[in-house]
PDB file of N, CA and C in Angstrom:
ATOM      1  N   MET A   1      21.296  34.935 -14.805  1.00  0.00           N
ATOM      2  CA  MET A   1      20.234  36.145 -15.545  1.00  0.00           C
ATOM      3  C   MET A   1      20.977  37.107 -16.325  1.00  0.00           C
ATOM      4  N   VAL A   2      20.414  37.209 -17.573  1.00  0.00           N
ATOM      5  CA  VAL A   2      21.295  38.470 -18.375  1.00  0.00           C
ATOM      6  C   VAL A   2      20.054  39.401 -19.010  1.00  0.00           C
ATOM      7  N   THR A   3      20.497  40.766 -19.094  1.00  0.00           N
ATOM      8  CA  THR A   3      19.198  41.562 -19.425  1.00  0.00           C
ATOM      9  C   THR A   3      20.093  42.419 -20.752  1.00  0.00           C
ATOM     10  N   GLN A   4      19.098  43.082 -21.157  1.00  0.00           N
ATOM     11  CA  GLN A   4      19.395  43.998 -22.261  1.00  0.00           C
ATOM     12  C   GLN A   4      18.367  45.147 -22.431  1.00  0.00           C
ATOM     13  N   LYS A   5      18.677  46.041 -22.721  1.00  0.00           N
ATOM     14  CA  LYS A   5      17.927  47.523 -22.863  1.00  0.00           C
ATOM     15  C   LYS A   5      17.677  47.406 -24.310  1.00  0.00           C
ATOM     16  N   ILE A   6      16.610  47.903 -24.903  1.00  0.00           N
ATOM     17  CA  ILE A   6      16.734  48.162 -26.396  1.00  0.00           C
ATOM     18  C   ILE A   6      15.487  49.316 -26.632  1.00  0.00           C
ATOM     19  N   VAL A   7      15.548  50.091 -27.641  1.00  0.00           N
ATOM     20  CA  VAL A   7      14.592  50.906 -27.864  1.00  0.00           C
ATOM     21  C   VAL A   7      13.460  50.310 -28.868  1.00  0.00           C
ATOM     22  N   VAL A   8      12.358  50.456 -28.758  1.00  0.00           N
ATOM     23  CA  VAL A   8      11.363  49.601 -30.067  1.00  0.00           C
ATOM     24  C   VAL A   8      11.234  50.447 -30.979  1.00  0.00           C
ATOM     25  N   ALA A   9      11.670  49.906 -32.035  1.00  0.00           N
ATOM     26  CA  ALA A   9      11.368  50.649 -33.495  1.00  0.00           C
ATOM     27  C   ALA A   9      10.326  50.306 -34.574  1.00  0.00           C
ATOM     28  N   GLU A  10       9.565  49.350 -33.906  1.00  0.00           N
ATOM     29  CA  GLU A  10       8.400  49.069 -34.714  1.00  0.00           C
ATOM     30  C   GLU A  10       7.521  50.152 -34.627  1.00  0.00           C
ATOM     31  N   PRO A  11       7.081  50.525 -35.634  1.00  0.00           N
ATOM     32  CA  PRO A  11       6.220  51.500 -35.670  1.00  0.00           C
ATOM     33  C   PRO A  11       5.024  51.496 -34.903  1.00  0.00           C
ATOM     34  N   SER A  12       4.357  50.520 -34.809  1.00  0.00           N
ATOM     35  CA  SER A  12       3.176  50.308 -34.017  1.00  0.00           C
ATOM     36  C   SER A  12       3.180  49.596 -32.878  1.00  0.00           C
ATOM     37  N   GLY A  13       4.701  49.717 -32.434  1.00  0.00           N
ATOM     38  CA  GLY A  13       4.929  49.147 -31.136  1.00  0.00           C
ATOM     39  C   GLY A  13       4.832  47.451 -30.954  1.00  0.00           C
ATOM     40  N   LEU A  14       4.356  47.386 -29.625  1.00  0.00           N
ATOM     41  CA  LEU A  14       4.302  45.751 -29.847  1.00  0.00           C
ATOM     42  C   LEU A  14       2.833  45.427 -30.079  1.00  0.00           C
ATOM     43  N   HIS A  15       2.018  45.582 -31.074  1.00  0.00           N
ATOM     44  CA  HIS A  15       0.692  45.191 -31.111  1.00  0.00           C
ATOM     45  C   HIS A  15       0.659  43.760 -31.297  1.00  0.00           C
ATOM     46  N   LEU A  16      -0.356  43.339 -31.951  1.00  0.00           N
ATOM     47  CA  LEU A  16      -0.866  41.760 -31.748  1.00  0.00           C
ATOM     48  C   LEU A  16       0.235  40.981 -32.602  1.00  0.00           C
ATOM     49  N   ARG A  17       0.361  41.183 -33.824  1.00  0.00           N
ATOM     50  CA  ARG A  17       1.703  40.275 -34.452  1.00  0.00           C
ATOM     51  C   ARG A  17       2.779  40.531 -34.033  1.00  0.00           C
ATOM     52  N   PRO A  18       3.500  41.861 -33.824  1.00  0.00           N
ATOM     53  CA  PRO A  18       4.906  41.468 -33.313  1.00  0.00           C
ATOM     54  C   PRO A  18       4.755  40.617 -31.903  1.00  0.00           C
ATOM     55  N   ALA A  19       3.736  41.078 -31.169  1.00  0.00           N
ATOM     56  CA  ALA A  19       3.658  40.472 -29.804  1.00  0.00           C
ATOM     57  C   ALA A  19       3.556  38.642 -30.054  1.00  0.00           C
ATOM     58  N   GLY A  20       2.656  38.385 -30.872  1.00  0.00           N
ATOM     59  CA  GLY A  20       2.589  37.020 -31.218  1.00  0.00           C
ATOM     60  C   GLY A  20       4.115  36.460 -31.867  1.00  0.00           C
ATOM     61  N   LYS A  21       4.569  37.083 -32.308  1.00  0.00           N
ATOM     62  CA  LYS A  21       5.919  36.826 -33.084  1.00  0.00           C
ATOM     63  C   LYS A  21       7.131  36.557 -31.813  1.00  0.00           C
ATOM     64  N   LEU A  22       7.007  37.626 -31.267  1.00  0.00           N
ATOM     65  CA  LEU A  22       7.944  37.530 -29.872  1.00  0.00           C
ATOM     66  C   LEU A  22       7.545  36.237 -29.004  1.00  0.00           C
ATOM     67  N   CYS A  23       6.256  36.166 -28.539  1.00  0.00           N
ATOM     68  CA  CYS A  23       5.724  35.123 -27.740  1.00  0.00           C
ATOM     69  C   CYS A  23       5.955  33.655 -28.146  1.00  0.00           C
ATOM     70  N   GLU A  24       6.138  33.577 -29.666  1.00  0.00           N
ATOM     71  CA  GLU A  24       6.377  32.258 -30.175  1.00  0.00           C
ATOM     72  C   GLU A  24       7.634  32.021 -30.087  1.00  0.00           C
ATOM     73  N   MET A  25       8.432  33.019 -30.322  1.00  0.00           N
ATOM     74  CA  MET A  25       9.966  32.898 -30.174  1.00  0.00           C
ATOM     75  C   MET A  25      10.445  32.491 -28.456  1.00  0.00           C
ATOM     76  N   CYS A  26      10.041  33.232 -27.943  1.00  0.00           N
ATOM     77  CA  CYS A  26      10.177  33.058 -26.598  1.00  0.00           C
ATOM     78  C   CYS A  26       9.671  31.505 -25.966  1.00  0.00           C
ATOM     79  N   LEU A  27       8.919  30.923 -26.543  1.00  0.00           N
ATOM     80  CA  LEU A  27       8.343  29.808 -26.126  1.00  0.00           C
ATOM     81  C   LEU A  27       9.243  28.441 -26.526  1.00  0.00           C
ATOM     82  N   GLU A  28      10.140  28.877 -27.400  1.00  0.00           N
ATOM     83  CA  GLU A  28      11.139  27.820 -28.032  1.00  0.00           C
ATOM     84  C   GLU A  28      12.381  27.610 -26.751  1.00  0.00           C
ATOM     85  N   TYR A  29      12.431  28.413 -25.908  1.00  0.00           N
ATOM     86  CA  TYR A  29      13.635  28.588 -25.040  1.00  0.00           C
ATOM     87  C   TYR A  29      12.992  28.118 -23.559  1.00  0.00           C
ATOM     88  N   GLN A  30      13.678  27.508 -22.937  1.00  0.00           N
ATOM     89  CA  GLN A  30      13.140  27.137 -21.604  1.00  0.00           C
ATOM     90  C   GLN A  30      13.955  28.290 -20.568  1.00  0.00           C
ATOM     91  N   SER A  31      14.359  29.132 -20.769  1.00  0.00           N
ATOM     92  CA  SER A  31      14.666  30.289 -19.865  1.00  0.00           C
ATOM     93  C   SER A  31      13.309  30.637 -19.585  1.00  0.00           C
ATOM     94  N   LYS A  32      13.131  31.565 -18.369  1.00  0.00           N
ATOM     95  CA  LYS A  32      11.902  32.449 -18.061  1.00  0.00           C
ATOM     96  C   LYS A  32      12.424  33.672 -18.826  1.00  0.00           C
ATOM     97  N   ILE A  33      11.547  34.185 -19.672  1.00  0.00           N
ATOM     98  CA  ILE A  33      11.927  35.408 -20.389  1.00  0.00           C
ATOM     99  C   ILE A  33      10.691  36.935 -19.804  1.00  0.00           C
ATOM    100  N   GLN A  34      11.196  37.887 -19.912  1.00  0.00           N
ATOM    101  CA  GLN A  34      10.249  38.735 -19.402  1.00  0.00           C
ATOM    102  C   GLN A  34      10.507  40.138 -19.902  1.00  0.00           C
ATOM    103  N   ILE A  35       9.793  41.087 -20.298  1.00  0.00           N
ATOM    104  CA  ILE A  35       9.822  42.080 -20.841  1.00  0.00           C
ATOM    105  C   ILE A  35       9.783  43.322 -19.637  1.00  0.00           C
ATOM    106  N   LYS A  36      10.310  44.079 -19.393  1.00  0.00           N
ATOM    107  CA  LYS A  36      10.316  45.147 -18.258  1.00  0.00           C
ATOM    108  C   LYS A  36      10.081  46.739 -18.982  1.00  0.00           C
ATOM    109  N   LYS A  37       9.001  47.229 -18.599  1.00  0.00           N
ATOM    110  CA  LYS A  37       8.676  48.440 -19.304  1.00  0.00           C
ATOM    111  C   LYS A  37       8.722  49.578 -17.926  1.00  0.00           C
ATOM    112  N   GLY A  38       9.454  50.257 -17.747  1.00  0.00           N
ATOM    113  CA  GLY A  38       9.264  51.363 -16.648  1.00  0.00           C
ATOM    114  C   GLY A  38       9.135  50.082 -15.212  1.00  0.00           C
ATOM    115  N   THR A  39       8.478  50.192 -14.359  1.00  0.00           N
ATOM    116  CA  THR A  39       8.398  49.477 -13.224  1.00  0.00           C
ATOM    117  C   THR A  39       7.460  47.886 -13.594  1.00  0.00           C
ATOM    118  N   ASN A  40       6.823  48.056 -14.829  1.00  0.00           N
ATOM    119  CA  ASN A  40       5.995  47.101 -15.074  1.00  0.00           C
ATOM    120  C   ASN A  40       6.921  45.550 -15.540  1.00  0.00           C
ATOM    121  N   ILE A  41       6.518  44.844 -15.585  1.00  0.00           N
ATOM    122  CA  ILE A  41       6.976  43.526 -15.749  1.00  0.00           C
ATOM    123  C   ILE A  41       6.487  42.553 -16.609  1.00  0.00           C
ATOM    124  N   ALA A  42       6.424  42.355 -17.673  1.00  0.00           N
ATOM    125  CA  ALA A  42       5.278  41.151 -18.268  1.00  0.00           C
ATOM    126  C   ALA A  42       6.281  39.722 -18.877  1.00  0.00           C
ATOM    127  N   ASN A  43       5.638  38.890 -18.504  1.00  0.00           N
ATOM    128  CA  ASN A  43       5.902  37.693 -18.966  1.00  0.00           C
ATOM    129  C   ASN A  43       5.949  37.325 -20.482  1.00  0.00           C
ATOM    130  N   ALA A  44       7.170  37.504 -21.157  1.00  0.00           N
ATOM    131  CA  ALA A  44       7.207  37.260 -22.490  1.00  0.00           C
ATOM    132  C   ALA A  44       6.758  36.107 -23.510  1.00  0.00           C
ATOM    133  N   LYS A  45       6.559  35.278 -22.565  1.00  0.00           N
ATOM    134  CA  LYS A  45       5.877  34.010 -23.106  1.00  0.00           C
ATOM    135  C   LYS A  45       3.947  33.718 -22.930  1.00  0.00           C
ATOM    136  N   SER A  46       3.636  34.924 -23.011  1.00  0.00           N
ATOM    137  CA  SER A  46       2.157  35.434 -23.066  1.00  0.00           C
ATOM    138  C   SER A  46       1.918  36.196 -24.013  1.00  0.00           C
ATOM    139  N   VAL A  47       1.190  36.287 -24.907  1.00  0.00           N
ATOM    140  CA  VAL A  47       1.009  37.357 -25.682  1.00  0.00           C
ATOM    141  C   VAL A  47      -0.133  38.368 -24.997  1.00  0.00           C
ATOM    142  N   LEU A  48      -0.733  38.101 -24.235  1.00  0.00           N
ATOM    143  CA  LEU A  48      -1.611  39.051 -23.190  1.00  0.00           C
ATOM    144  C   LEU A  48      -0.533  39.633 -22.533  1.00  0.00           C
ATOM    145  N   GLY A  49      -0.031  39.216 -21.937  1.00  0.00           N
ATOM    146  CA  GLY A  49       1.126  39.816 -20.773  1.00  0.00           C
ATOM    147  C   GLY A  49       1.959  41.082 -21.611  1.00  0.00           C
ATOM    148  N   ILE A  50       2.790  40.612 -22.799  1.00  0.00           N
ATOM    149  CA  ILE A  50       3.193  41.495 -23.639  1.00  0.00           C
ATOM    150  C   ILE A  50       2.000  42.633 -24.124  1.00  0.00           C
ATOM    151  N   LEU A  51       0.989  42.520 -24.385  1.00  0.00           N
ATOM    152  CA  LEU A  51      -0.122  43.582 -24.766  1.00  0.00           C
ATOM    153  C   LEU A  51      -0.054  44.170 -23.999  1.00  0.00           C
ATOM    154  N   ALA A  52      -0.277  43.877 -22.565  1.00  0.00           N
ATOM    155  CA  ALA A  52      -0.749  44.332 -21.487  1.00  0.00           C
ATOM    156  C   ALA A  52       0.373  45.607 -21.012  1.00  0.00           C
ATOM    157  N   ALA A  53       1.570  45.111 -21.616  1.00  0.00           N
ATOM    158  CA  ALA A  53       2.533  46.214 -21.166  1.00  0.00           C
ATOM    159  C   ALA A  53       2.737  47.719 -22.145  1.00  0.00           C
ATOM    160  N   ARG A  54       1.665  47.245 -22.949  1.00  0.00           N
ATOM    161  CA  ARG A  54       1.521  48.683 -23.916  1.00  0.00           C
ATOM    162  C   ARG A  54       2.844  49.283 -24.250  1.00  0.00           C
ATOM    163  N   VAL A  55       3.239  48.572 -24.749  1.00  0.00           N
ATOM    164  CA  VAL A  55       4.853  49.094 -25.383  1.00  0.00           C
ATOM    165  C   VAL A  55       4.634  49.640 -26.730  1.00  0.00           C
ATOM    166  N   GLN A  56       5.112  50.738 -27.168  1.00  0.00           N
ATOM    167  CA  GLN A  56       4.702  51.690 -28.263  1.00  0.00           C
ATOM    168  C   GLN A  56       6.253  51.932 -29.006  1.00  0.00           C
ATOM    169  N   GLN A  57       6.141  52.441 -29.617  1.00  0.00           N
ATOM    170  CA  GLN A  57       7.281  52.707 -30.679  1.00  0.00           C
ATOM    171  C   GLN A  57       8.240  53.984 -30.102  1.00  0.00           C
ATOM    172  N   GLY A  58       9.674  53.689 -29.833  1.00  0.00           N
ATOM    173  CA  GLY A  58      10.441  54.433 -29.045  1.00  0.00           C
ATOM    174  C   GLY A  58      10.373  54.342 -27.503  1.00  0.00           C
ATOM    175  N   ASP A  59       9.803  53.289 -27.043  1.00  0.00           N
ATOM    176  CA  ASP A  59       9.856  52.571 -25.558  1.00  0.00           C
ATOM    177  C   ASP A  59      11.197  52.325 -25.388  1.00  0.00           C
ATOM    178  N   GLU A  60      11.678  52.315 -24.478  1.00  0.00           N
ATOM    179  CA  GLU A  60      12.937  51.372 -23.888  1.00  0.00           C
ATOM    180  C   GLU A  60      12.259  50.252 -23.326  1.00  0.00           C
ATOM    181  N   ILE A  61      12.342  49.577 -23.739  1.00  0.00           N
ATOM    182  CA  ILE A  61      12.241  48.023 -22.417  1.00  0.00           C
ATOM    183  C   ILE A  61      13.297  47.428 -22.197  1.00  0.00           C
ATOM    184  N   GLU A  62      13.724  46.679 -21.344  1.00  0.00           N
ATOM    185  CA  GLU A  62      14.644  45.491 -20.663  1.00  0.00           C
ATOM    186  C   GLU A  62      14.224  43.948 -20.867  1.00  0.00           C
ATOM    187  N   ILE A  63      14.754  43.464 -21.658  1.00  0.00           N
ATOM    188  CA  ILE A  63      14.716  42.056 -21.855  1.00  0.00           C
ATOM    189  C   ILE A  63      15.327  41.409 -20.877  1.00  0.00           C
ATOM    190  N   ILE A  64      14.741  40.488 -20.183  1.00  0.00           N
ATOM    191  CA  ILE A  64      15.077  39.465 -18.858  1.00  0.00           C
ATOM    192  C   ILE A  64      15.025  38.025 -19.103  1.00  0.00           C
ATOM    193  N   CYS A  65      16.326  37.348 -19.407  1.00  0.00           N
ATOM    194  CA  CYS A  65      16.675  36.179 -19.438  1.00  0.00           C
ATOM    195  C   CYS A  65      16.974  35.462 -18.245  1.00  0.00           C
ATOM    196  N   ASP A  66      16.576  34.385 -17.934  1.00  0.00           N
ATOM    197  CA  ASP A  66      16.712  33.612 -16.600  1.00  0.00           C
ATOM    198  C   ASP A  66      16.678  32.153 -17.176  1.00  0.00           C
ATOM    199  N   GLY A  67      17.792  31.712 -17.184  1.00  0.00           N
ATOM    200  CA  GLY A  67      17.651  30.135 -17.037  1.00  0.00           C
ATOM    201  C   GLY A  67      19.059  29.246 -18.175  1.00  0.00           C
ATOM    202  N   ALA A  68      18.920  28.115 -18.384  1.00  0.00           N
ATOM    203  CA  ALA A  68      19.741  27.062 -19.244  1.00  0.00           C
ATOM    204  C   ALA A  68      20.189  27.942 -20.365  1.00  0.00           C
ATOM    205  N   ASP A  69      19.313  28.467 -21.214  1.00  0.00           N
ATOM    206  CA  ASP A  69      19.633  28.927 -22.630  1.00  0.00           C
ATOM    207  C   ASP A  69      19.576  30.448 -22.725  1.00  0.00           C
ATOM    208  N   GLU A  70      19.779  31.054 -21.540  1.00  0.00           N
ATOM    209  CA  GLU A  70      19.561  32.506 -21.065  1.00  0.00           C
ATOM    210  C   GLU A  70      20.207  33.439 -22.291  1.00  0.00           C
ATOM    211  N   ASP A  71      21.628  32.933 -22.465  1.00  0.00           N
ATOM    212  CA  ASP A  71      22.370  33.819 -23.473  1.00  0.00           C
ATOM    213  C   ASP A  71      21.809  33.652 -25.039  1.00  0.00           C
ATOM    214  N   GLU A  72      21.561  32.658 -25.382  1.00  0.00           N
ATOM    215  CA  GLU A  72      21.230  32.236 -26.648  1.00  0.00           C
ATOM    216  C   GLU A  72      19.592  32.971 -27.034  1.00  0.00           C
ATOM    217  N   ALA A  73      18.634  32.922 -25.900  1.00  0.00           N
ATOM    218  CA  ALA A  73      17.559  33.273 -26.000  1.00  0.00           C
ATOM    219  C   ALA A  73      17.930  35.110 -26.015  1.00  0.00           C
ATOM    220  N   LEU A  74      18.238  35.568 -25.251  1.00  0.00           N
ATOM    221  CA  LEU A  74      18.605  37.203 -25.279  1.00  0.00           C
ATOM    222  C   LEU A  74      18.948  37.656 -26.842  1.00  0.00           C
ATOM    223  N   ALA A  75      20.058  36.929 -27.197  1.00  0.00           N
ATOM    224  CA  ALA A  75      20.641  37.229 -28.454  1.00  0.00           C
ATOM    225  C   ALA A  75      19.741  37.325 -29.541  1.00  0.00           C
ATOM    226  N   ALA A  76      18.833  36.405 -29.637  1.00  0.00           N
ATOM    227  CA  ALA A  76      17.564  35.612 -30.494  1.00  0.00           C
ATOM    228  C   ALA A  76      16.884  37.126 -30.731  1.00  0.00           C
ATOM    229  N   LEU A  77      16.325  37.338 -29.532  1.00  0.00           N
ATOM    230  CA  LEU A  77      15.077  38.254 -29.159  1.00  0.00           C
ATOM    231  C   LEU A  77      15.514  39.953 -29.685  1.00  0.00           C
ATOM    232  N   VAL A  78      16.826  39.946 -29.095  1.00  0.00           N
ATOM    233  CA  VAL A  78      17.087  41.190 -29.510  1.00  0.00           C
ATOM    234  C   VAL A  78      17.395  41.477 -31.000  1.00  0.00           C
ATOM    235  N   THR A  79      17.886  40.557 -31.785  1.00  0.00           N
ATOM    236  CA  THR A  79      18.246  40.491 -33.196  1.00  0.00           C
ATOM    237  C   THR A  79      16.901  40.664 -33.635  1.00  0.00           C
ATOM    238  N   VAL A  80      15.763  39.791 -33.381  1.00  0.00           N
ATOM    239  CA  VAL A  80      14.484  39.779 -34.083  1.00  0.00           C
ATOM    240  C   VAL A  80      13.961  41.035 -33.890  1.00  0.00           C
ATOM    241  N   MET A  81      14.067  41.722 -32.836  1.00  0.00           N
ATOM    242  CA  MET A  81      13.569  42.901 -32.526  1.00  0.00           C
ATOM    243  C   MET A  81      14.261  44.093 -33.199  1.00  0.00           C
ATOM    244  N   GLN A  82      15.488  44.021 -33.682  1.00  0.00           N
ATOM    245  CA  GLN A  82      16.234  45.149 -34.170  1.00  0.00           C
ATOM    246  C   GLN A  82      15.775  45.104 -35.772  1.00  0.00           C
ATOM    247  N   GLU A  83      15.554  43.487 -36.017  1.00  0.00           N
ATOM    248  CA  GLU A  83      15.202  43.519 -37.556  1.00  0.00           C
ATOM    249  C   GLU A  83      13.634  43.538 -37.987  1.00  0.00           C
ATOM    250  N   GLY A  84      12.918  44.101 -36.689  1.00  0.00           N
ATOM    251  CA  GLY A  84      11.379  44.159 -37.302  1.00  0.00           C
ATOM    252  C   GLY A  84      10.710  43.261 -37.188  1.00  0.00           C
ATOM    253  N   PHE A  85      10.787  42.073 -36.600  1.00  0.00           N
ATOM    254  CA  PHE A  85      10.163  40.485 -36.036  1.00  0.00           C
ATOM    255  C   PHE A  85      10.300  40.060 -37.584  1.00  0.00           C
ATOM    256  N   GLY A  86      10.466  40.348 -38.658  1.00  0.00           N
ATOM    257  CA  GLY A  86      10.262  39.765 -40.065  1.00  0.00           C
ATOM    258  C   GLY A  86       9.202  39.706 -40.311  1.00  0.00           C
ATOM    259  N   LEU A  87       8.660  41.093 -40.001  1.00  0.00           N
ATOM    260  CA  LEU A  87       7.269  41.034 -40.497  1.00  0.00           C
ATOM    261  C   LEU A  87       7.224  42.055 -41.580  1.00  0.00           C
ATOM    262  N   PRO A  88       6.195  42.044 -42.621  1.00  0.00           N
ATOM    263  CA  PRO A  88       6.409  43.039 -43.639  1.00  0.00           C
ATOM    264  C   PRO A  88       6.105  44.377 -43.178  1.00  0.00           C
ATOM    265  N   ALA A  89       6.526  45.543 -43.440  1.00  0.00           N
ATOM    266  CA  ALA A  89       6.291  46.776 -43.186  1.00  0.00           C
ATOM    267  C   ALA A  89       4.418  47.036 -43.773  1.00  0.00           C
ATOM    268  N   VAL A  90       4.232  47.600 -42.407  1.00  0.00           N
ATOM    269  CA  VAL A  90       2.733  48.142 -42.603  1.00  0.00           C
ATOM    270  C   VAL A  90       2.633  49.520 -43.195  1.00  0.00           C
ATOM    271  N   GLU A  91       1.823  49.733 -44.554  1.00  0.00           N
ATOM    272  CA  GLU A  91       1.477  50.988 -44.769  1.00  0.00           C
ATOM    273  C   GLU A  91       0.922  51.771 -44.404  1.00  0.00           C
ATOM    274  N   GLU A  92       1.019  53.099 -44.048  1.00  0.00           N
ATOM    275  CA  GLU A  92       0.045  53.974 -43.397  1.00  0.00           C
ATOM    276  C   GLU A  92      -0.757  54.879 -44.489  1.00  0.00           C
TER     277      GLU A  92
END
């Protein structure tokens, strides 16, 4: 099992579009992937699970990967979160 904490920089947190992108990525890996916010743990392979975690900009979350490809999964997820999910910026 590998874990890493990250502060969410996405301006609107993990709303539907980034949650969908994150879930889509997680489904590419065999490992069990979870997001922990405080004491709540969400299944990162479920869009509804991610949305239920109510992750906002500035929240510190922990990504937990456990399985055969855990290192690769963790590295990819941290990278995509740091790069803004590859989504265009939303103007306010």
